[in-house]
Amino acid sequence: VADEAELTAAVAEAAAGDVIQLTDNITLSATLSVPAEQSITLDLNGHTLSVAADVDVIDNSGTLTVKNGTVAAKENTAAHFAVNNQESGVLTVEQDEGQETKLIGRCGIQNYGTVVINDGTVTSYNRNAIYTEAGSSTTINGGQILASGGSSGMGRAVSALGDVTIT
């Protein structure tokens, strides 16, 4: 997909296990929502998925794998994330050999559901790289979780109210 309209349609029409691949950088006008019934891989293919508005880039309620590019929220906004993983959401972050994956926002990931990070970089502009809510599960098997120089006790690599496993 090459633009917001194609991406939104591809997510809405995806069959379980489909891979949606970007062919260009895409700047969204609104948050991309992955519904609970979807199970997809978003292969950024070396491109950047960002958002022009002061909102999250992706709200995930489904099963989503993100790999091979950058998901970037606007810098220095109030509380917006590269991926806001909802209670029903299952998010996997990985990258293919020779590729790089990066999630960056006020937090790279806010997690209410289940997150597995196998590779890539999760970071923030000015807060926690990963913020987890009570009842969530975050497993870090690899990659880099980079804290920023936040303020008011923020700026942690992982700020956890939920369960966190690092292997």
N, C-alpha and C. Protein backbone atom coordinates (compact mmCIF):
# COMPACT_ATOMS: atom_id res chain seq x y z
N VAL A 1 0.84 -1.18 0.00
CA VAL A 1 0.00 0.00 0.00
C VAL A 1 0.88 1.24 0.00
N ALA A 2 0.40 2.30 -0.61
CA ALA A 2 1.20 3.51 -0.78
C ALA A 2 0.62 4.75 -0.12
N ASP A 3 -0.63 4.66 0.40
CA ASP A 3 -1.21 5.86 1.01
C ASP A 3 -2.20 5.46 2.10
N GLU A 4 -2.70 6.47 2.80
CA GLU A 4 -3.60 6.24 3.94
C GLU A 4 -4.86 5.49 3.54
N ALA A 5 -5.48 5.87 2.44
CA ALA A 5 -6.72 5.22 2.01
C ALA A 5 -6.50 3.74 1.73
N GLU A 6 -5.42 3.42 1.03
CA GLU A 6 -5.11 2.02 0.74
C GLU A 6 -4.81 1.24 2.02
N LEU A 7 -4.08 1.85 2.95
CA LEU A 7 -3.73 1.19 4.20
C LEU A 7 -4.98 0.92 5.04
N THR A 8 -5.83 1.91 5.19
CA THR A 8 -7.05 1.75 5.97
C THR A 8 -7.94 0.66 5.37
N ALA A 9 -8.08 0.65 4.06
CA ALA A 9 -8.88 -0.37 3.39
C ALA A 9 -8.26 -1.75 3.55
N ALA A 10 -6.93 -1.84 3.43
CA ALA A 10 -6.26 -3.13 3.57
C ALA A 10 -6.44 -3.71 4.96
N VAL A 11 -6.37 -2.87 5.99
CA VAL A 11 -6.58 -3.34 7.36
C VAL A 11 -8.02 -3.82 7.54
N ALA A 12 -8.97 -3.06 7.05
CA ALA A 12 -10.39 -3.40 7.19
C ALA A 12 -10.75 -4.69 6.45
N GLU A 13 -10.09 -4.94 5.32
CA GLU A 13 -10.45 -6.09 4.48
C GLU A 13 -9.53 -7.29 4.65
N ALA A 14 -8.54 -7.20 5.52
CA ALA A 14 -7.54 -8.27 5.66
C ALA A 14 -8.16 -9.56 6.18
N ALA A 15 -7.68 -10.67 5.62
CA ALA A 15 -8.01 -11.99 6.14
C ALA A 15 -6.96 -12.34 7.18
N ALA A 16 -7.30 -13.25 8.06
CA ALA A 16 -6.38 -13.66 9.13
C ALA A 16 -5.03 -14.07 8.54
N GLY A 17 -3.97 -13.50 9.08
CA GLY A 17 -2.63 -13.84 8.65
C GLY A 17 -2.11 -13.04 7.48
N ASP A 18 -2.90 -12.12 6.94
CA ASP A 18 -2.45 -11.32 5.81
C ASP A 18 -1.27 -10.42 6.20
N VAL A 19 -0.39 -10.18 5.22
CA VAL A 19 0.71 -9.25 5.37
C VAL A 19 0.37 -8.01 4.54
N ILE A 20 0.40 -6.86 5.19
CA ILE A 20 0.18 -5.59 4.52
C ILE A 20 1.54 -4.91 4.46
N GLN A 21 2.00 -4.61 3.24
CA GLN A 21 3.34 -4.06 3.06
C GLN A 21 3.25 -2.64 2.50
N LEU A 22 3.99 -1.72 3.14
CA LEU A 22 4.06 -0.36 2.64
C LEU A 22 5.01 -0.29 1.45
N THR A 23 4.67 0.55 0.48
CA THR A 23 5.56 0.79 -0.65
C THR A 23 6.09 2.22 -0.64
N ASP A 24 5.70 2.99 0.39
CA ASP A 24 6.14 4.38 0.53
C ASP A 24 5.91 4.80 1.97
N ASN A 25 6.50 5.92 2.38
CA ASN A 25 6.18 6.51 3.68
C ASN A 25 4.73 6.96 3.65
N ILE A 26 4.04 6.81 4.79
CA ILE A 26 2.64 7.23 4.88
C ILE A 26 2.48 8.08 6.13
N THR A 27 1.91 9.27 5.95
CA THR A 27 1.55 10.13 7.07
C THR A 27 0.03 10.11 7.18
N LEU A 28 -0.46 9.54 8.26
CA LEU A 28 -1.90 9.42 8.48
C LEU A 28 -2.48 10.75 8.95
N SER A 29 -3.77 10.96 8.68
CA SER A 29 -4.47 12.12 9.20
C SER A 29 -5.16 11.80 10.52
N ALA A 30 -5.33 10.51 10.79
CA ALA A 30 -5.99 10.04 12.01
C ALA A 30 -5.37 8.70 12.41
N THR A 31 -5.66 8.26 13.60
CA THR A 31 -5.15 6.99 14.11
C THR A 31 -5.59 5.83 13.24
N LEU A 32 -4.67 4.91 12.97
CA LEU A 32 -5.00 3.66 12.29
C LEU A 32 -5.48 2.67 13.35
N SER A 33 -6.70 2.19 13.21
CA SER A 33 -7.27 1.25 14.18
C SER A 33 -7.26 -0.16 13.62
N VAL A 34 -6.70 -1.07 14.41
CA VAL A 34 -6.73 -2.49 14.06
C VAL A 34 -7.79 -3.12 14.95
N PRO A 35 -8.93 -3.56 14.36
CA PRO A 35 -10.03 -4.09 15.16
C PRO A 35 -9.71 -5.46 15.76
N ALA A 36 -10.45 -5.81 16.80
CA ALA A 36 -10.21 -7.04 17.55
C ALA A 36 -10.23 -8.29 16.68
N GLU A 37 -11.03 -8.28 15.63
CA GLU A 37 -11.14 -9.49 14.81
C GLU A 37 -10.00 -9.65 13.79
N GLN A 38 -9.12 -8.67 13.69
CA GLN A 38 -8.04 -8.73 12.70
C GLN A 38 -6.79 -9.39 13.26
N SER A 39 -6.10 -10.13 12.40
CA SER A 39 -4.82 -10.75 12.70
C SER A 39 -3.92 -10.51 11.49
N ILE A 40 -3.05 -9.47 11.58
CA ILE A 40 -2.28 -9.06 10.42
C ILE A 40 -0.83 -8.77 10.78
N THR A 41 0.00 -8.77 9.75
CA THR A 41 1.38 -8.30 9.86
C THR A 41 1.48 -7.01 9.05
N LEU A 42 2.01 -5.99 9.68
CA LEU A 42 2.27 -4.72 9.01
C LEU A 42 3.77 -4.66 8.74
N ASP A 43 4.14 -4.95 7.50
CA ASP A 43 5.53 -4.90 7.07
C ASP A 43 5.78 -3.51 6.50
N LEU A 44 6.50 -2.71 7.25
CA LEU A 44 6.75 -1.32 6.85
C LEU A 44 7.73 -1.23 5.69
N ASN A 45 8.43 -2.31 5.40
CA ASN A 45 9.25 -2.42 4.20
C ASN A 45 10.27 -1.27 4.09
N GLY A 46 10.86 -0.88 5.26
CA GLY A 46 11.86 0.17 5.27
C GLY A 46 11.29 1.58 5.30
N HIS A 47 9.98 1.71 5.36
CA HIS A 47 9.31 3.01 5.33
C HIS A 47 8.87 3.44 6.72
N THR A 48 8.34 4.66 6.80
CA THR A 48 7.86 5.23 8.04
C THR A 48 6.36 5.45 7.97
N LEU A 49 5.67 5.01 9.03
CA LEU A 49 4.25 5.27 9.22
C LEU A 49 4.15 6.29 10.35
N SER A 50 3.61 7.46 10.05
CA SER A 50 3.49 8.53 11.04
C SER A 50 2.09 9.10 10.99
N VAL A 51 1.85 10.11 11.82
CA VAL A 51 0.53 10.73 11.87
C VAL A 51 0.71 12.24 11.99
N ALA A 52 -0.10 12.99 11.26
CA ALA A 52 -0.01 14.45 11.26
C ALA A 52 -0.71 15.06 12.46
N ALA A 53 -1.72 14.38 13.00
CA ALA A 53 -2.50 14.91 14.11
C ALA A 53 -1.86 14.52 15.44
N ASP A 54 -2.31 15.15 16.52
CA ASP A 54 -1.84 14.83 17.86
C ASP A 54 -2.62 13.65 18.42
N VAL A 55 -2.41 12.48 17.82
CA VAL A 55 -3.09 11.25 18.21
C VAL A 55 -2.09 10.10 18.13
N ASP A 56 -2.50 8.92 18.62
CA ASP A 56 -1.67 7.73 18.48
C ASP A 56 -1.56 7.38 17.00
N VAL A 57 -0.46 6.74 16.62
CA VAL A 57 -0.33 6.28 15.25
C VAL A 57 -1.22 5.05 15.04
N ILE A 58 -1.09 4.05 15.92
CA ILE A 58 -1.87 2.81 15.79
C ILE A 58 -2.54 2.51 17.13
N ASP A 59 -3.84 2.25 17.09
CA ASP A 59 -4.57 1.67 18.22
C ASP A 59 -4.86 0.23 17.84
N ASN A 60 -4.29 -0.70 18.59
CA ASN A 60 -4.42 -2.12 18.25
C ASN A 60 -5.32 -2.84 19.23
N SER A 61 -6.40 -3.40 18.72
CA SER A 61 -7.28 -4.27 19.50
C SER A 61 -7.20 -5.70 18.99
N GLY A 62 -6.52 -5.92 17.87
CA GLY A 62 -6.43 -7.23 17.25
C GLY A 62 -5.10 -7.90 17.55
N THR A 63 -4.67 -8.73 16.60
CA THR A 63 -3.37 -9.39 16.67
C THR A 63 -2.53 -8.76 15.56
N LEU A 64 -1.50 -8.02 15.96
CA LEU A 64 -0.73 -7.22 15.03
C LEU A 64 0.75 -7.48 15.21
N THR A 65 1.43 -7.76 14.10
CA THR A 65 2.90 -7.81 14.09
C THR A 65 3.37 -6.60 13.29
N VAL A 66 4.32 -5.86 13.85
CA VAL A 66 4.92 -4.70 13.18
C VAL A 66 6.38 -5.01 12.96
N LYS A 67 6.86 -4.77 11.70
CA LYS A 67 8.27 -5.06 11.42
C LYS A 67 8.80 -4.21 10.27
N ASN A 68 10.13 -4.08 10.25
CA ASN A 68 10.89 -3.58 9.10
C ASN A 68 10.66 -2.11 8.72
N GLY A 69 10.59 -1.23 9.70
CA GLY A 69 10.44 0.19 9.42
C GLY A 69 10.16 0.93 10.70
N THR A 70 9.65 2.15 10.58
CA THR A 70 9.43 3.02 11.74
C THR A 70 7.96 3.39 11.87
N VAL A 71 7.47 3.33 13.10
CA VAL A 71 6.16 3.89 13.45
C VAL A 71 6.47 5.05 14.39
N ALA A 72 6.11 6.28 13.97
CA ALA A 72 6.52 7.47 14.70
C ALA A 72 5.35 8.41 14.95
N ALA A 73 5.01 8.60 16.24
CA ALA A 73 4.03 9.60 16.62
C ALA A 73 4.68 10.98 16.50
N LYS A 74 3.87 12.03 16.55
CA LYS A 74 4.42 13.38 16.53
C LYS A 74 5.28 13.61 17.76
N GLU A 75 6.34 14.36 17.59
CA GLU A 75 7.24 14.64 18.70
C GLU A 75 6.63 15.66 19.65
N ASN A 76 6.87 15.41 20.94
CA ASN A 76 6.48 16.34 22.01
C ASN A 76 4.99 16.65 22.05
N THR A 77 4.16 15.65 21.87
CA THR A 77 2.72 15.84 22.04
C THR A 77 2.30 15.33 23.41
N ALA A 78 1.12 15.64 23.80
CA ALA A 78 0.67 15.39 25.17
C ALA A 78 0.78 13.93 25.60
N ALA A 79 0.23 13.02 24.89
CA ALA A 79 0.24 11.63 25.35
C ALA A 79 -0.02 10.67 24.20
N HIS A 80 0.79 10.73 23.18
CA HIS A 80 0.50 9.91 22.02
C HIS A 80 1.62 8.93 21.75
N PHE A 81 1.21 7.76 21.32
CA PHE A 81 2.09 6.61 21.27
C PHE A 81 2.24 6.10 19.84
N ALA A 82 3.36 5.44 19.58
CA ALA A 82 3.49 4.76 18.29
C ALA A 82 2.40 3.69 18.20
N VAL A 83 2.32 2.84 19.24
CA VAL A 83 1.25 1.84 19.29
C VAL A 83 0.61 1.87 20.68
N ASN A 84 -0.69 2.07 20.69
CA ASN A 84 -1.49 1.96 21.90
C ASN A 84 -2.17 0.60 21.82
N ASN A 85 -1.64 -0.37 22.56
CA ASN A 85 -2.12 -1.75 22.50
C ASN A 85 -3.24 -1.93 23.53
N GLN A 86 -4.45 -2.13 23.02
CA GLN A 86 -5.64 -2.22 23.87
C GLN A 86 -5.70 -3.55 24.63
N GLU A 87 -6.65 -3.67 25.54
CA GLU A 87 -6.78 -4.85 26.40
C GLU A 87 -6.87 -6.15 25.61
N SER A 88 -7.58 -6.15 24.49
CA SER A 88 -7.70 -7.35 23.67
C SER A 88 -6.54 -7.50 22.68
N GLY A 89 -5.67 -6.50 22.61
CA GLY A 89 -4.60 -6.48 21.62
C GLY A 89 -3.44 -7.40 21.93
N VAL A 90 -2.92 -8.00 20.87
CA VAL A 90 -1.69 -8.79 20.94
C VAL A 90 -0.75 -8.17 19.91
N LEU A 91 0.33 -7.58 20.40
CA LEU A 91 1.29 -6.88 19.54
C LEU A 91 2.62 -7.61 19.58
N THR A 92 3.19 -7.88 18.40
CA THR A 92 4.53 -8.44 18.28
C THR A 92 5.38 -7.46 17.49
N VAL A 93 6.58 -7.19 17.99
CA VAL A 93 7.54 -6.31 17.31
C VAL A 93 8.74 -7.17 16.94
N GLU A 94 9.10 -7.14 15.66
CA GLU A 94 10.23 -7.93 15.18
C GLU A 94 10.82 -7.27 13.95
N GLN A 95 11.87 -7.85 13.44
CA GLN A 95 12.44 -7.36 12.19
C GLN A 95 13.12 -8.51 11.48
N ASP A 96 13.10 -8.44 10.15
CA ASP A 96 13.79 -9.43 9.33
C ASP A 96 15.27 -9.10 9.30
N GLU A 97 16.10 -10.09 8.98
CA GLU A 97 17.54 -9.88 8.90
C GLU A 97 17.85 -8.76 7.90
N GLY A 98 18.71 -7.85 8.32
CA GLY A 98 19.09 -6.73 7.47
C GLY A 98 18.12 -5.56 7.52
N GLN A 99 17.06 -5.68 8.30
CA GLN A 99 16.05 -4.63 8.44
C GLN A 99 16.11 -4.03 9.84
N GLU A 100 15.48 -2.89 10.03
CA GLU A 100 15.37 -2.25 11.34
C GLU A 100 13.92 -1.88 11.59
N THR A 101 13.49 -2.10 12.82
CA THR A 101 12.15 -1.72 13.25
C THR A 101 12.30 -0.74 14.41
N LYS A 102 11.53 0.35 14.38
CA LYS A 102 11.59 1.34 15.46
C LYS A 102 10.19 1.85 15.73
N LEU A 103 9.82 1.87 17.01
CA LEU A 103 8.57 2.46 17.46
C LEU A 103 8.92 3.61 18.38
N ILE A 104 8.45 4.82 18.05
CA ILE A 104 8.77 5.99 18.86
C ILE A 104 7.55 6.90 18.98
N GLY A 105 7.35 7.42 20.17
CA GLY A 105 6.28 8.36 20.47
C GLY A 105 6.54 8.93 21.85
N ARG A 106 5.53 9.51 22.46
CA ARG A 106 5.72 9.89 23.86
C ARG A 106 6.14 8.65 24.61
N CYS A 107 5.49 7.53 24.32
CA CYS A 107 5.95 6.19 24.63
C CYS A 107 5.92 5.44 23.31
N GLY A 108 6.89 4.57 23.09
CA GLY A 108 6.85 3.75 21.89
C GLY A 108 5.65 2.83 21.92
N ILE A 109 5.40 2.24 23.11
CA ILE A 109 4.25 1.33 23.29
C ILE A 109 3.59 1.65 24.62
N GLN A 110 2.27 1.80 24.58
CA GLN A 110 1.46 1.74 25.80
C GLN A 110 0.70 0.44 25.72
N ASN A 111 0.79 -0.40 26.77
CA ASN A 111 0.24 -1.74 26.70
C ASN A 111 -0.81 -1.98 27.78
N TYR A 112 -2.01 -2.34 27.31
CA TYR A 112 -3.08 -2.82 28.18
C TYR A 112 -3.31 -4.31 27.96
N GLY A 113 -2.73 -4.89 26.90
CA GLY A 113 -2.98 -6.28 26.51
C GLY A 113 -1.73 -7.13 26.62
N THR A 114 -1.30 -7.67 25.48
CA THR A 114 -0.13 -8.55 25.41
C THR A 114 0.84 -8.02 24.37
N VAL A 115 2.10 -7.86 24.76
CA VAL A 115 3.14 -7.42 23.84
C VAL A 115 4.31 -8.40 23.92
N VAL A 116 4.84 -8.75 22.74
CA VAL A 116 6.06 -9.55 22.65
C VAL A 116 7.03 -8.80 21.74
N ILE A 117 8.19 -8.47 22.28
CA ILE A 117 9.22 -7.78 21.50
C ILE A 117 10.35 -8.77 21.25
N ASN A 118 10.51 -9.14 19.99
CA ASN A 118 11.56 -10.09 19.62
C ASN A 118 12.80 -9.40 19.08
N ASP A 119 12.63 -8.22 18.53
CA ASP A 119 13.74 -7.48 17.94
C ASP A 119 13.26 -6.07 17.64
N GLY A 120 14.18 -5.19 17.29
CA GLY A 120 13.82 -3.83 16.96
C GLY A 120 14.13 -2.90 18.12
N THR A 121 13.72 -1.64 17.98
CA THR A 121 13.96 -0.62 18.99
C THR A 121 12.63 0.02 19.38
N VAL A 122 12.40 0.10 20.68
CA VAL A 122 11.24 0.80 21.21
C VAL A 122 11.81 1.93 22.07
N THR A 123 11.39 3.16 21.78
CA THR A 123 11.95 4.31 22.48
C THR A 123 10.89 5.41 22.58
N SER A 124 11.27 6.51 23.22
CA SER A 124 10.34 7.63 23.35
C SER A 124 11.06 8.94 23.12
N TYR A 125 10.27 9.97 22.84
CA TYR A 125 10.82 11.30 22.70
C TYR A 125 11.16 11.89 24.07
N ASN A 126 10.27 11.65 25.06
CA ASN A 126 10.47 12.33 26.34
C ASN A 126 9.84 11.62 27.54
N ARG A 127 9.48 10.38 27.41
CA ARG A 127 8.86 9.65 28.51
C ARG A 127 9.40 8.23 28.55
N ASN A 128 8.55 7.29 28.96
CA ASN A 128 8.94 5.88 29.04
C ASN A 128 8.89 5.25 27.66
N ALA A 129 9.86 4.39 27.38
CA ALA A 129 9.83 3.68 26.10
C ALA A 129 8.60 2.77 26.03
N ILE A 130 8.36 2.04 27.13
CA ILE A 130 7.19 1.16 27.22
C ILE A 130 6.48 1.47 28.53
N TYR A 131 5.17 1.66 28.45
CA TYR A 131 4.35 1.85 29.64
C TYR A 131 3.31 0.74 29.67
N THR A 132 3.25 -0.01 30.77
CA THR A 132 2.29 -1.11 30.85
C THR A 132 1.27 -0.84 31.94
N GLU A 133 0.04 -1.19 31.67
CA GLU A 133 -1.05 -1.04 32.64
C GLU A 133 -1.28 -2.34 33.40
N ALA A 134 -1.91 -2.25 34.54
CA ALA A 134 -2.24 -3.42 35.34
C ALA A 134 -3.03 -4.43 34.50
N GLY A 135 -2.70 -5.70 34.63
CA GLY A 135 -3.38 -6.76 33.89
C GLY A 135 -2.76 -7.05 32.54
N SER A 136 -1.77 -6.27 32.13
CA SER A 136 -1.12 -6.50 30.84
C SER A 136 0.07 -7.44 31.00
N SER A 137 0.57 -7.91 29.86
CA SER A 137 1.73 -8.79 29.83
C SER A 137 2.68 -8.32 28.74
N THR A 138 3.93 -8.10 29.12
CA THR A 138 4.95 -7.67 28.17
C THR A 138 6.14 -8.61 28.27
N THR A 139 6.54 -9.19 27.15
CA THR A 139 7.70 -10.08 27.10
C THR A 139 8.72 -9.49 26.15
N ILE A 140 9.94 -9.30 26.63
CA ILE A 140 11.02 -8.75 25.83
C ILE A 140 12.06 -9.85 25.63
N ASN A 141 12.13 -10.37 24.40
CA ASN A 141 13.06 -11.44 24.06
C ASN A 141 14.32 -10.92 23.38
N GLY A 142 14.29 -9.70 22.91
CA GLY A 142 15.43 -9.13 22.21
C GLY A 142 15.13 -7.71 21.81
N GLY A 143 16.07 -7.10 21.10
CA GLY A 143 15.90 -5.73 20.67
C GLY A 143 16.46 -4.76 21.68
N GLN A 144 16.12 -3.49 21.50
CA GLN A 144 16.57 -2.43 22.38
C GLN A 144 15.37 -1.66 22.91
N ILE A 145 15.37 -1.42 24.20
CA ILE A 145 14.36 -0.60 24.84
C ILE A 145 15.13 0.59 25.40
N LEU A 146 14.97 1.75 24.77
CA LEU A 146 15.80 2.91 25.09
C LEU A 146 15.00 3.99 25.79
N ALA A 147 15.45 4.36 26.98
CA ALA A 147 14.81 5.43 27.73
C ALA A 147 15.31 6.77 27.25
N SER A 148 14.44 7.75 27.31
CA SER A 148 14.82 9.11 26.98
C SER A 148 15.17 9.84 28.27
N GLY A 149 15.52 11.08 28.17
CA GLY A 149 15.79 11.90 29.34
C GLY A 149 14.53 12.58 29.79
N GLY A 150 13.57 11.84 30.29
CA GLY A 150 12.28 12.38 30.68
C GLY A 150 12.34 13.20 31.94
N SER A 151 11.20 13.72 32.33
CA SER A 151 11.10 14.54 33.53
C SER A 151 10.04 13.96 34.47
N SER A 152 10.03 14.43 35.70
CA SER A 152 9.02 14.04 36.70
C SER A 152 8.98 12.53 36.90
N GLY A 153 10.14 11.89 36.94
CA GLY A 153 10.20 10.46 37.16
C GLY A 153 9.93 9.64 35.92
N MET A 154 9.70 10.29 34.79
CA MET A 154 9.49 9.57 33.54
C MET A 154 10.85 9.35 32.88
N GLY A 155 10.85 8.72 31.76
CA GLY A 155 12.10 8.48 31.07
C GLY A 155 12.70 7.12 31.40
N ARG A 156 11.86 6.19 31.82
CA ARG A 156 12.30 4.82 32.10
C ARG A 156 12.24 4.01 30.81
N ALA A 157 13.07 2.99 30.74
CA ALA A 157 12.96 2.07 29.61
C ALA A 157 11.61 1.38 29.66
N VAL A 158 11.25 0.83 30.84
CA VAL A 158 9.96 0.18 31.02
C VAL A 158 9.36 0.67 32.33
N SER A 159 8.15 1.19 32.27
CA SER A 159 7.41 1.56 33.46
C SER A 159 6.23 0.60 33.54
N ALA A 160 6.24 -0.26 34.57
CA ALA A 160 5.32 -1.40 34.55
C ALA A 160 4.38 -1.45 35.74
N LEU A 161 3.10 -1.46 35.46
CA LEU A 161 2.09 -1.87 36.41
C LEU A 161 1.68 -3.30 36.10
N GLY A 162 1.87 -3.72 34.85
CA GLY A 162 1.55 -5.08 34.41
C GLY A 162 2.76 -5.98 34.53
N ASP A 163 2.61 -7.23 34.12
CA ASP A 163 3.67 -8.22 34.17
C ASP A 163 4.68 -7.99 33.06
N VAL A 164 5.96 -8.04 33.39
CA VAL A 164 7.04 -7.88 32.42
C VAL A 164 8.02 -9.02 32.58
N THR A 165 8.36 -9.67 31.46
CA THR A 165 9.35 -10.73 31.44
C THR A 165 10.43 -10.32 30.45
N ILE A 166 11.68 -10.33 30.89
CA ILE A 166 12.80 -10.01 30.01
C ILE A 166 13.70 -11.23 29.94
N THR A 167 13.92 -11.73 28.72
CA THR A 167 14.80 -12.90 28.57
C THR A 167 16.06 -12.50 27.86
